[in-house]
């Protein structure tokens, strides 16, 4: 699983502040799109980041809840079972059809 925040700025300062606050993740420069990205790849890092922002998110709360559910399934190794994988696929479909 991956959480990526893209900020289309020449400066990486904001992403460095997010990384320092969350104490997880890495900041990379994407030379193709000429922007900086904040990435979290580890399940523990994703859980920590979600717990930090869950009460602060207003606009995308529903999406955060769905993503959080996927992280929970993977952290419990539910994605290795048919039921868990199907639930993640349903959530993925909901993300794609949100517009």
C-alpha atoms as a PDB file:
ATOM      1  CA  UNK A   1       0.000   0.000   0.000  1.00  0.00           C
ATOM      2  CA  UNK A   2       1.145   3.505  -0.673  1.00  0.00           C
ATOM      3  CA  UNK A   3      -0.002   6.892   0.493  1.00  0.00           C
ATOM      4  CA  UNK A   4       1.315   9.679  -1.677  1.00  0.00           C
ATOM      5  CA  UNK A   5       0.690  13.397  -1.308  1.00  0.00           C
ATOM      6  CA  UNK A   6       1.615  15.446  -4.363  1.00  0.00           C
ATOM      7  CA  UNK A   7       2.291  19.143  -4.018  1.00  0.00           C
ATOM      8  CA  UNK A   8       3.069  20.983  -7.209  1.00  0.00           C
ATOM      9  CA  UNK A   9       5.578  23.405  -5.784  1.00  0.00           C
ATOM     10  CA  UNK A  10       9.245  23.928  -6.417  1.00  0.00           C
ATOM     11  CA  UNK A  11       9.917  23.822  -2.687  1.00  0.00           C
ATOM     12  CA  UNK A  12       9.774  20.682  -0.586  1.00  0.00           C
ATOM     13  CA  UNK A  13       9.453  22.586   2.718  1.00  0.00           C
ATOM     14  CA  UNK A  14       5.778  21.741   3.338  1.00  0.00           C
ATOM     15  CA  UNK A  15       6.338  18.040   2.700  1.00  0.00           C
ATOM     16  CA  UNK A  16       9.376  18.011   4.993  1.00  0.00           C
ATOM     17  CA  UNK A  17       7.217  19.542   7.737  1.00  0.00           C
ATOM     18  CA  UNK A  18       4.563  16.852   7.215  1.00  0.00           C
ATOM     19  CA  UNK A  19       7.228  14.128   7.369  1.00  0.00           C
ATOM     20  CA  UNK A  20       8.737  15.596  10.533  1.00  0.00           C
ATOM     21  CA  UNK A  21       5.306  15.937  12.169  1.00  0.00           C
ATOM     22  CA  UNK A  22       4.251  12.396  11.264  1.00  0.00           C
ATOM     23  CA  UNK A  23       7.691  10.930  11.956  1.00  0.00           C
ATOM     24  CA  UNK A  24       7.181   8.614   8.988  1.00  0.00           C
ATOM     25  CA  UNK A  25       7.507   8.622   5.210  1.00  0.00           C
ATOM     26  CA  UNK A  26       9.961  10.065   2.714  1.00  0.00           C
ATOM     27  CA  UNK A  27      10.051  13.045   0.368  1.00  0.00           C
ATOM     28  CA  UNK A  28      11.071  12.528  -3.262  1.00  0.00           C
ATOM     29  CA  UNK A  29      11.401  14.737  -6.304  1.00  0.00           C
ATOM     30  CA  UNK A  30       9.513  13.423  -9.331  1.00  0.00           C
ATOM     31  CA  UNK A  31      11.539  14.723 -12.262  1.00  0.00           C
ATOM     32  CA  UNK A  32       8.905  13.650 -14.804  1.00  0.00           C
ATOM     33  CA  UNK A  33       6.197  15.865 -13.300  1.00  0.00           C
ATOM     34  CA  UNK A  34       8.591  18.330 -11.653  1.00  0.00           C
ATOM     35  CA  UNK A  35       6.986  18.107  -8.216  1.00  0.00           C
ATOM     36  CA  UNK A  36       7.784  16.796  -4.787  1.00  0.00           C
ATOM     37  CA  UNK A  37       5.997  13.788  -3.329  1.00  0.00           C
ATOM     38  CA  UNK A  38       5.550  12.588   0.229  1.00  0.00           C
ATOM     39  CA  UNK A  39       5.308   8.778   0.298  1.00  0.00           C
ATOM     40  CA  UNK A  40       4.517   6.294   3.036  1.00  0.00           C
ATOM     41  CA  UNK A  41       5.012   2.635   2.113  1.00  0.00           C
ATOM     42  CA  UNK A  42       5.006   0.782   5.431  1.00  0.00           C
ATOM     43  CA  UNK A  43       1.744  -0.335   7.040  1.00  0.00           C
ATOM     44  CA  UNK A  44       2.828   0.942  10.471  1.00  0.00           C
ATOM     45  CA  UNK A  45       3.614   4.338   8.954  1.00  0.00           C
ATOM     46  CA  UNK A  46       0.243   4.439   7.187  1.00  0.00           C
ATOM     47  CA  UNK A  47      -1.601   3.584  10.414  1.00  0.00           C
ATOM     48  CA  UNK A  48       0.335   6.250  12.313  1.00  0.00           C
ATOM     49  CA  UNK A  49      -0.353   8.906   9.669  1.00  0.00           C
ATOM     50  CA  UNK A  50      -4.067   8.061   9.549  1.00  0.00           C
ATOM     51  CA  UNK A  51      -4.327   8.300  13.336  1.00  0.00           C
ATOM     52  CA  UNK A  52      -2.670  11.734  13.232  1.00  0.00           C
ATOM     53  CA  UNK A  53      -5.021  13.218  10.628  1.00  0.00           C
ATOM     54  CA  UNK A  54      -8.309  11.345  11.087  1.00  0.00           C
ATOM     55  CA  UNK A  55      -9.879  13.998  13.325  1.00  0.00           C
ATOM     56  CA  UNK A  56      -8.535  16.870  11.213  1.00  0.00           C
ATOM     57  CA  UNK A  57      -9.772  15.776   7.787  1.00  0.00           C
ATOM     58  CA  UNK A  58     -13.058  17.376   6.791  1.00  0.00           C
ATOM     59  CA  UNK A  59     -13.484  17.375   3.015  1.00  0.00           C
ATOM     60  CA  UNK A  60     -12.231  13.872   2.241  1.00  0.00           C
ATOM     61  CA  UNK A  61     -13.286  12.073   5.437  1.00  0.00           C
ATOM     62  CA  UNK A  62     -15.173   9.365   3.552  1.00  0.00           C
ATOM     63  CA  UNK A  63     -12.142   8.602   1.373  1.00  0.00           C
ATOM     64  CA  UNK A  64      -9.864   8.518   4.420  1.00  0.00           C
ATOM     65  CA  UNK A  65     -12.222   6.059   6.111  1.00  0.00           C
ATOM     66  CA  UNK A  66     -12.126   3.787   3.040  1.00  0.00           C
ATOM     67  CA  UNK A  67      -8.345   3.983   2.820  1.00  0.00           C
ATOM     68  CA  UNK A  68      -8.074   3.339   6.549  1.00  0.00           C
ATOM     69  CA  UNK A  69     -10.209   0.206   6.142  1.00  0.00           C
ATOM     70  CA  UNK A  70      -7.852  -1.060   3.410  1.00  0.00           C
ATOM     71  CA  UNK A  71      -4.832  -0.452   5.661  1.00  0.00           C
ATOM     72  CA  UNK A  72      -6.578  -2.356   8.455  1.00  0.00           C
ATOM     73  CA  UNK A  73      -7.303  -5.316   6.162  1.00  0.00           C
ATOM     74  CA  UNK A  74      -3.699  -5.476   4.939  1.00  0.00           C
ATOM     75  CA  UNK A  75      -2.218  -5.061   8.428  1.00  0.00           C
ATOM     76  CA  UNK A  76      -4.208  -8.090   9.592  1.00  0.00           C
ATOM     77  CA  UNK A  77      -3.141 -10.015   6.472  1.00  0.00           C
ATOM     78  CA  UNK A  78      -6.763 -10.109   5.321  1.00  0.00           C
ATOM     79  CA  UNK A  79      -5.679  -9.305   1.760  1.00  0.00           C
ATOM     80  CA  UNK A  80      -4.267 -12.845   1.588  1.00  0.00           C
ATOM     81  CA  UNK A  81      -7.786 -14.265   1.859  1.00  0.00           C
ATOM     82  CA  UNK A  82     -10.425 -14.106  -0.826  1.00  0.00           C
ATOM     83  CA  UNK A  83     -12.884 -12.115   1.340  1.00  0.00           C
ATOM     84  CA  UNK A  84     -10.333  -9.470   2.277  1.00  0.00           C
ATOM     85  CA  UNK A  85      -9.147  -9.067  -1.288  1.00  0.00           C
ATOM     86  CA  UNK A  86     -12.742  -8.728  -2.503  1.00  0.00           C
ATOM     87  CA  UNK A  87     -13.425  -6.027   0.095  1.00  0.00           C
ATOM     88  CA  UNK A  88     -10.349  -4.078  -1.009  1.00  0.00           C
ATOM     89  CA  UNK A  89     -11.466  -4.392  -4.641  1.00  0.00           C
ATOM     90  CA  UNK A  90     -14.928  -3.039  -3.736  1.00  0.00           C
ATOM     91  CA  UNK A  91     -13.338  -0.077  -1.967  1.00  0.00           C
ATOM     92  CA  UNK A  92     -11.097   0.511  -4.993  1.00  0.00           C
ATOM     93  CA  UNK A  93     -14.161   0.581  -7.253  1.00  0.00           C
ATOM     94  CA  UNK A  94     -15.841   3.105  -4.910  1.00  0.00           C
ATOM     95  CA  UNK A  95     -12.751   5.348  -5.169  1.00  0.00           C
ATOM     96  CA  UNK A  96     -12.836   5.241  -8.959  1.00  0.00           C
ATOM     97  CA  UNK A  97     -16.565   6.005  -9.169  1.00  0.00           C
ATOM     98  CA  UNK A  98     -16.622   8.853  -6.634  1.00  0.00           C
ATOM     99  CA  UNK A  99     -17.094  11.551  -9.277  1.00  0.00           C
END
